[in-house]
Amino acid sequence: MSLPQRIKQWETSQDGLDNLTLSSDVLPIPGPHEVLVKISAVALNYRDTEVVMGLYNHHKTTGGPNPTLVPCSDMCGFITTSKSDLWKPGDRVLSIFNQTHLKGQVQAEHMKHGLGLPLPGVLTEYRVFPETGIIRAPSYLSDEEAATLPIAGLTAWMAINGMRPLGQSGGKDEVILIQGTGGVAISGLEIAKASGAEGMTVFAVR
């Protein structure tokens, strides 16, 4: 496919939602073990609004405020150029939030590699990712549906299933309480009901 020389992207100075700026930049070029992704859909998380408003200061390892930053961390898109043996052009992929967190417990060091702060995010037309910074998107979900998985979906899944043995669903008399109606809560409600555990009770409160 023909690629543009310049791309559009949104930038924030972390000074408010009303001050987001549409800008342009040169098309990024992937290096060895990297891929270029054309972004089709971006999900908005509560964290993203905190970043844009300059309120995201929960983790000291993310460093100080950046002068300008491309926000947002969760996207679905397809690879246009691959310099990786793991991926080929046309593969449909999702971003992972902390680009260096591949397994095990999240460590403070991983927080330095979060998309949308401190790393540039995904509210752009094209972005380069390391070959390990993406995963394959589920074929049965639309771009918009799949883009909600990396933070909200995974957070909900880990909260419900993270401490279970792999492949084991909830117990017969398990009770799951879902608080709120945000992205994590709605994902948690769907995951809890989809687990199919006999006798499971799910409560959702606002």
C-alpha atoms as a PDB file:
ATOM      1  CA  MET A   1       0.000   0.000   0.000  1.00  0.00           C
ATOM      2  CA  SER A   2       1.085   3.585  -0.585  1.00  0.00           C
ATOM      3  CA  LEU A   3       2.204   5.339   2.601  1.00  0.00           C
ATOM      4  CA  PRO A   4       1.991   9.095   3.270  1.00  0.00           C
ATOM      5  CA  GLN A   5       5.099  11.159   3.893  1.00  0.00           C
ATOM      6  CA  ARG A   6       3.463  12.979   6.785  1.00  0.00           C
ATOM      7  CA  ILE A   7       0.858  11.852   9.329  1.00  0.00           C
ATOM      8  CA  LYS A   8      -1.719  13.549  11.540  1.00  0.00           C
ATOM      9  CA  GLN A   9      -1.692  13.098  15.297  1.00  0.00           C
ATOM     10  CA  TRP A  10      -3.158  14.640  18.433  1.00  0.00           C
ATOM     11  CA  GLU A  11      -0.839  16.188  21.018  1.00  0.00           C
ATOM     12  CA  THR A  12      -1.312  17.404  24.572  1.00  0.00           C
ATOM     13  CA  SER A  13       0.743  19.662  26.808  1.00  0.00           C
ATOM     14  CA  GLN A  14      -1.060  18.008  29.725  1.00  0.00           C
ATOM     15  CA  ASP A  15      -2.988  21.206  30.379  1.00  0.00           C
ATOM     16  CA  GLY A  16      -6.593  20.180  29.724  1.00  0.00           C
ATOM     17  CA  LEU A  17      -8.894  18.346  27.345  1.00  0.00           C
ATOM     18  CA  ASP A  18      -9.832  21.587  25.581  1.00  0.00           C
ATOM     19  CA  ASN A  19      -6.197  22.164  24.648  1.00  0.00           C
ATOM     20  CA  LEU A  20      -5.594  19.025  22.612  1.00  0.00           C
ATOM     21  CA  THR A  21      -3.919  20.028  19.354  1.00  0.00           C
ATOM     22  CA  LEU A  22      -4.067  18.327  15.959  1.00  0.00           C
ATOM     23  CA  SER A  23      -0.570  18.386  14.488  1.00  0.00           C
ATOM     24  CA  SER A  24       1.462  16.614  11.815  1.00  0.00           C
ATOM     25  CA  ASP A  25       4.765  14.778  11.783  1.00  0.00           C
ATOM     26  CA  VAL A  26       6.896  12.766   9.382  1.00  0.00           C
ATOM     27  CA  LEU A  27       5.937   9.138   8.857  1.00  0.00           C
ATOM     28  CA  PRO A  28       7.970   7.040  11.323  1.00  0.00           C
ATOM     29  CA  ILE A  29      10.215   4.344   9.856  1.00  0.00           C
ATOM     30  CA  PRO A  30      10.578   0.978  11.600  1.00  0.00           C
ATOM     31  CA  GLY A  31      14.043  -0.326  12.397  1.00  0.00           C
ATOM     32  CA  PRO A  32      15.215  -3.900  12.974  1.00  0.00           C
ATOM     33  CA  HIS A  33      12.675  -5.978  14.955  1.00  0.00           C
ATOM     34  CA  GLU A  34      10.055  -3.243  14.616  1.00  0.00           C
ATOM     35  CA  VAL A  35       6.804  -2.800  12.689  1.00  0.00           C
ATOM     36  CA  LEU A  36       4.842   0.162  11.363  1.00  0.00           C
ATOM     37  CA  VAL A  37       1.138   0.013  12.239  1.00  0.00           C
ATOM     38  CA  LYS A  38      -1.696   1.978  10.636  1.00  0.00           C
ATOM     39  CA  ILE A  39      -4.039   2.702  13.537  1.00  0.00           C
ATOM     40  CA  SER A  40      -7.713   1.994  12.877  1.00  0.00           C
ATOM     41  CA  ALA A  41      -9.323   2.529  16.308  1.00  0.00           C
ATOM     42  CA  VAL A  42      -8.242   4.009  19.654  1.00  0.00           C
ATOM     43  CA  ALA A  43      -9.927   3.369  23.009  1.00  0.00           C
ATOM     44  CA  LEU A  44     -10.159   6.124  25.617  1.00  0.00           C
ATOM     45  CA  ASN A  45      -9.341   5.124  29.205  1.00  0.00           C
ATOM     46  CA  TYR A  46      -9.770   7.187  32.355  1.00  0.00           C
ATOM     47  CA  ARG A  47      -5.981   7.224  32.630  1.00  0.00           C
ATOM     48  CA  ASP A  48      -5.804   9.046  29.302  1.00  0.00           C
ATOM     49  CA  THR A  49      -8.011  11.877  30.587  1.00  0.00           C
ATOM     50  CA  GLU A  50      -5.793  12.189  33.682  1.00  0.00           C
ATOM     51  CA  VAL A  51      -2.708  12.445  31.480  1.00  0.00           C
ATOM     52  CA  VAL A  52      -4.240  15.118  29.248  1.00  0.00           C
ATOM     53  CA  MET A  53      -5.352  17.126  32.300  1.00  0.00           C
ATOM     54  CA  GLY A  54      -1.908  16.844  33.930  1.00  0.00           C
ATOM     55  CA  LEU A  55      -3.279  14.785  36.834  1.00  0.00           C
ATOM     56  CA  TYR A  56      -1.484  11.487  36.236  1.00  0.00           C
ATOM     57  CA  ASN A  57       1.164  11.475  38.949  1.00  0.00           C
ATOM     58  CA  HIS A  58       0.550   8.076  40.571  1.00  0.00           C
ATOM     59  CA  HIS A  59       3.868   6.538  39.510  1.00  0.00           C
ATOM     60  CA  LYS A  60       7.104   8.442  40.085  1.00  0.00           C
ATOM     61  CA  THR A  61       8.899   6.196  37.605  1.00  0.00           C
ATOM     62  CA  THR A  62       7.009   7.829  34.727  1.00  0.00           C
ATOM     63  CA  GLY A  63       9.089  10.963  35.283  1.00  0.00           C
ATOM     64  CA  GLY A  64       8.071  14.593  35.053  1.00  0.00           C
ATOM     65  CA  PRO A  65       5.580  16.131  32.631  1.00  0.00           C
ATOM     66  CA  ASN A  66       6.532  16.104  28.958  1.00  0.00           C
ATOM     67  CA  PRO A  67       6.266  19.419  27.072  1.00  0.00           C
ATOM     68  CA  THR A  68       4.096  17.765  24.403  1.00  0.00           C
ATOM     69  CA  LEU A  69       2.894  14.206  24.158  1.00  0.00           C
ATOM     70  CA  VAL A  70       0.734  12.028  21.910  1.00  0.00           C
ATOM     71  CA  PRO A  71      -1.839  10.592  24.362  1.00  0.00           C
ATOM     72  CA  CYS A  72      -3.705   7.261  24.638  1.00  0.00           C
ATOM     73  CA  SER A  73      -2.389   3.727  24.963  1.00  0.00           C
ATOM     74  CA  ASP A  74      -4.934   1.283  23.510  1.00  0.00           C
ATOM     75  CA  MET A  75      -5.347   0.765  19.791  1.00  0.00           C
ATOM     76  CA  CYS A  76      -6.217  -1.712  17.089  1.00  0.00           C
ATOM     77  CA  GLY A  77      -4.633  -1.488  13.660  1.00  0.00           C
ATOM     78  CA  PHE A  78      -2.809  -3.418  10.968  1.00  0.00           C
ATOM     79  CA  ILE A  79       0.834  -3.712  10.060  1.00  0.00           C
ATOM     80  CA  THR A  80       1.897  -1.909   6.895  1.00  0.00           C
ATOM     81  CA  THR A  81       5.663  -2.484   7.122  1.00  0.00           C
ATOM     82  CA  SER A  82       7.466  -5.209   9.057  1.00  0.00           C
ATOM     83  CA  LYS A  83      11.158  -5.524   9.914  1.00  0.00           C
ATOM     84  CA  SER A  84      10.348  -8.495  12.145  1.00  0.00           C
ATOM     85  CA  ASP A  85      10.279 -12.234  11.550  1.00  0.00           C
ATOM     86  CA  LEU A  86       7.277 -12.456  13.899  1.00  0.00           C
ATOM     87  CA  TRP A  87       4.895 -10.248  11.913  1.00  0.00           C
ATOM     88  CA  LYS A  88       3.924  -9.610   8.308  1.00  0.00           C
ATOM     89  CA  PRO A  89       2.125  -6.745   6.553  1.00  0.00           C
ATOM     90  CA  GLY A  90      -1.640  -7.046   6.947  1.00  0.00           C
ATOM     91  CA  ASP A  91      -1.513  -8.625  10.404  1.00  0.00           C
ATOM     92  CA  ARG A  92      -4.177  -7.049  12.632  1.00  0.00           C
ATOM     93  CA  VAL A  93      -2.785  -6.185  16.041  1.00  0.00           C
ATOM     94  CA  LEU A  94      -3.359  -4.541  19.425  1.00  0.00           C
ATOM     95  CA  SER A  95      -0.874  -2.503  21.420  1.00  0.00           C
ATOM     96  CA  ILE A  96       0.208  -3.583  24.886  1.00  0.00           C
ATOM     97  CA  PHE A  97       0.238  -0.853  27.539  1.00  0.00           C
ATOM     98  CA  ASN A  98       3.683  -1.256  29.130  1.00  0.00           C
ATOM     99  CA  GLN A  99       5.842  -2.091  26.147  1.00  0.00           C
ATOM    100  CA  THR A 100       8.453  -3.991  28.183  1.00  0.00           C
ATOM    101  CA  HIS A 101       6.078  -5.962  30.426  1.00  0.00           C
ATOM    102  CA  LEU A 102       5.834  -9.356  28.743  1.00  0.00           C
ATOM    103  CA  LYS A 103       5.274 -11.691  31.693  1.00  0.00           C
ATOM    104  CA  GLY A 104       5.109 -11.913  35.470  1.00  0.00           C
ATOM    105  CA  GLN A 105       4.369  -9.180  37.982  1.00  0.00           C
ATOM    106  CA  VAL A 106       4.606  -5.587  36.782  1.00  0.00           C
ATOM    107  CA  GLN A 107       7.763  -3.921  38.109  1.00  0.00           C
ATOM    108  CA  ALA A 108       8.496  -0.216  38.573  1.00  0.00           C
ATOM    109  CA  GLU A 109      10.876  -0.323  35.608  1.00  0.00           C
ATOM    110  CA  HIS A 110       7.991  -1.245  33.287  1.00  0.00           C
ATOM    111  CA  MET A 111       6.184   1.986  34.165  1.00  0.00           C
ATOM    112  CA  LYS A 112       8.866   3.885  32.243  1.00  0.00           C
ATOM    113  CA  HIS A 113       7.607   2.208  29.082  1.00  0.00           C
ATOM    114  CA  GLY A 114       3.873   2.943  29.216  1.00  0.00           C
ATOM    115  CA  LEU A 115       2.196   4.213  26.061  1.00  0.00           C
ATOM    116  CA  GLY A 116       0.632   7.655  26.314  1.00  0.00           C
ATOM    117  CA  LEU A 117       3.011   8.629  29.157  1.00  0.00           C
ATOM    118  CA  PRO A 118       5.911   8.558  29.329  1.00  0.00           C
ATOM    119  CA  LEU A 119       6.174   7.068  25.819  1.00  0.00           C
ATOM    120  CA  PRO A 120       4.301   8.689  22.927  1.00  0.00           C
ATOM    121  CA  GLY A 121       0.826   7.190  22.637  1.00  0.00           C
ATOM    122  CA  VAL A 122      -1.406   5.958  19.852  1.00  0.00           C
ATOM    123  CA  LEU A 123      -3.707   8.894  19.023  1.00  0.00           C
ATOM    124  CA  THR A 124      -2.006   9.114  15.647  1.00  0.00           C
ATOM    125  CA  GLU A 125      -2.439   7.693  12.169  1.00  0.00           C
ATOM    126  CA  TYR A 126       0.699   5.516  12.183  1.00  0.00           C
ATOM    127  CA  ARG A 127       3.059   4.353  14.911  1.00  0.00           C
ATOM    128  CA  VAL A 128       6.169   2.177  15.098  1.00  0.00           C
ATOM    129  CA  PHE A 129       6.140  -0.621  17.677  1.00  0.00           C
ATOM    130  CA  PRO A 130       8.783  -3.121  18.752  1.00  0.00           C
ATOM    131  CA  GLU A 131       7.875  -6.627  17.634  1.00  0.00           C
ATOM    132  CA  THR A 132       7.110  -7.578  21.253  1.00  0.00           C
ATOM    133  CA  GLY A 133       4.960  -4.482  21.900  1.00  0.00           C
ATOM    134  CA  ILE A 134       1.900  -5.787  20.049  1.00  0.00           C
ATOM    135  CA  ILE A 135      -0.342  -8.860  20.080  1.00  0.00           C
ATOM    136  CA  ARG A 136      -2.680 -10.339  17.510  1.00  0.00           C
ATOM    137  CA  ALA A 137      -6.203  -8.902  17.564  1.00  0.00           C
ATOM    138  CA  PRO A 138      -9.089 -11.378  17.985  1.00  0.00           C
ATOM    139  CA  SER A 139     -10.685 -11.991  14.588  1.00  0.00           C
ATOM    140  CA  TYR A 140     -14.216 -12.081  16.020  1.00  0.00           C
ATOM    141  CA  LEU A 141     -14.055  -8.498  17.345  1.00  0.00           C
ATOM    142  CA  SER A 142     -14.328  -5.266  15.371  1.00  0.00           C
ATOM    143  CA  ASP A 143     -11.457  -2.785  15.509  1.00  0.00           C
ATOM    144  CA  GLU A 144     -13.387  -0.657  17.988  1.00  0.00           C
ATOM    145  CA  GLU A 145     -14.231  -3.628  20.224  1.00  0.00           C
ATOM    146  CA  ALA A 146     -10.708  -5.035  20.155  1.00  0.00           C
ATOM    147  CA  ALA A 147      -9.135  -1.660  21.007  1.00  0.00           C
ATOM    148  CA  THR A 148     -10.815  -1.753  24.444  1.00  0.00           C
ATOM    149  CA  LEU A 149      -8.976  -4.895  25.548  1.00  0.00           C
ATOM    150  CA  PRO A 150      -5.403  -3.847  26.487  1.00  0.00           C
ATOM    151  CA  ILE A 151      -6.166  -1.846  29.661  1.00  0.00           C
ATOM    152  CA  ALA A 152      -9.849  -2.130  30.565  1.00  0.00           C
ATOM    153  CA  GLY A 153     -10.381  -5.696  29.385  1.00  0.00           C
ATOM    154  CA  LEU A 154      -7.136  -7.066  30.796  1.00  0.00           C
ATOM    155  CA  THR A 155      -7.568  -5.252  34.117  1.00  0.00           C
ATOM    156  CA  ALA A 156     -11.024  -6.790  34.535  1.00  0.00           C
ATOM    157  CA  TRP A 157      -9.852 -10.247  33.512  1.00  0.00           C
ATOM    158  CA  MET A 158      -6.943 -10.156  35.965  1.00  0.00           C
ATOM    159  CA  ALA A 159      -9.191  -8.932  38.786  1.00  0.00           C
ATOM    160  CA  ILE A 160     -11.546 -11.887  38.262  1.00  0.00           C
ATOM    161  CA  ASN A 161      -9.229 -14.647  37.034  1.00  0.00           C
ATOM    162  CA  GLY A 162      -5.672 -13.560  37.778  1.00  0.00           C
ATOM    163  CA  MET A 163      -5.171 -15.784  40.816  1.00  0.00           C
ATOM    164  CA  ARG A 164      -6.901 -18.882  39.393  1.00  0.00           C
ATOM    165  CA  PRO A 165      -5.063 -21.853  37.888  1.00  0.00           C
ATOM    166  CA  LEU A 166      -4.998 -21.508  34.101  1.00  0.00           C
ATOM    167  CA  GLY A 167      -8.225 -22.753  32.541  1.00  0.00           C
ATOM    168  CA  GLN A 168     -10.203 -22.894  35.783  1.00  0.00           C
ATOM    169  CA  SER A 169     -13.429 -20.895  36.046  1.00  0.00           C
ATOM    170  CA  GLY A 170     -15.135 -19.605  39.155  1.00  0.00           C
ATOM    171  CA  GLY A 171     -16.550 -21.785  41.874  1.00  0.00           C
ATOM    172  CA  LYS A 172     -20.160 -22.889  42.039  1.00  0.00           C
ATOM    173  CA  ASP A 173     -21.160 -20.421  44.759  1.00  0.00           C
ATOM    174  CA  GLU A 174     -18.823 -17.572  43.818  1.00  0.00           C
ATOM    175  CA  VAL A 175     -20.084 -13.999  44.179  1.00  0.00           C
ATOM    176  CA  ILE A 176     -18.542 -11.210  42.088  1.00  0.00           C
ATOM    177  CA  LEU A 177     -19.209  -7.549  42.862  1.00  0.00           C
ATOM    178  CA  ILE A 178     -18.757  -5.075  40.011  1.00  0.00           C
ATOM    179  CA  GLN A 179     -18.455  -1.428  41.055  1.00  0.00           C
ATOM    180  CA  GLY A 180     -19.345   1.347  38.633  1.00  0.00           C
ATOM    181  CA  THR A 181     -20.235   1.441  34.951  1.00  0.00           C
ATOM    182  CA  GLY A 182     -16.889   2.391  33.391  1.00  0.00           C
ATOM    183  CA  GLY A 183     -14.801   0.392  30.931  1.00  0.00           C
ATOM    184  CA  VAL A 184     -13.268  -1.938  33.527  1.00  0.00           C
ATOM    185  CA  ALA A 185     -16.625  -2.502  35.250  1.00  0.00           C
ATOM    186  CA  ILE A 186     -18.503  -3.336  32.051  1.00  0.00           C
ATOM    187  CA  SER A 187     -15.679  -5.621  30.892  1.00  0.00           C
ATOM    188  CA  GLY A 188     -15.711  -7.301  34.304  1.00  0.00           C
ATOM    189  CA  LEU A 189     -19.458  -7.863  34.094  1.00  0.00           C
ATOM    190  CA  GLU A 190     -19.145  -9.484  30.668  1.00  0.00           C
ATOM    191  CA  ILE A 191     -16.170 -11.636  31.696  1.00  0.00           C
ATOM    192  CA  ALA A 192     -17.853 -12.768  34.910  1.00  0.00           C
ATOM    193  CA  LYS A 193     -21.039 -13.775  33.106  1.00  0.00           C
ATOM    194  CA  ALA A 194     -19.132 -15.436  30.275  1.00  0.00           C
ATOM    195  CA  SER A 195     -17.176 -17.649  32.671  1.00  0.00           C
ATOM    196  CA  GLY A 196     -20.241 -19.878  32.871  1.00  0.00           C
ATOM    197  CA  ALA A 197     -19.650 -20.999  36.430  1.00  0.00           C
ATOM    198  CA  GLU A 198     -22.782 -22.742  37.740  1.00  0.00           C
ATOM    199  CA  GLY A 199     -24.435 -20.780  40.502  1.00  0.00           C
ATOM    200  CA  MET A 200     -22.202 -17.719  40.105  1.00  0.00           C
ATOM    201  CA  THR A 201     -23.841 -14.471  41.235  1.00  0.00           C
ATOM    202  CA  VAL A 202     -22.721 -11.142  39.738  1.00  0.00           C
ATOM    203  CA  PHE A 203     -23.750  -7.823  41.275  1.00  0.00           C
ATOM    204  CA  ALA A 204     -23.171  -4.472  39.565  1.00  0.00           C
ATOM    205  CA  VAL A 205     -23.569  -1.259  41.589  1.00  0.00           C
ATOM    206  CA  ARG A 206     -23.093   2.363  40.592  1.00  0.00           C
END
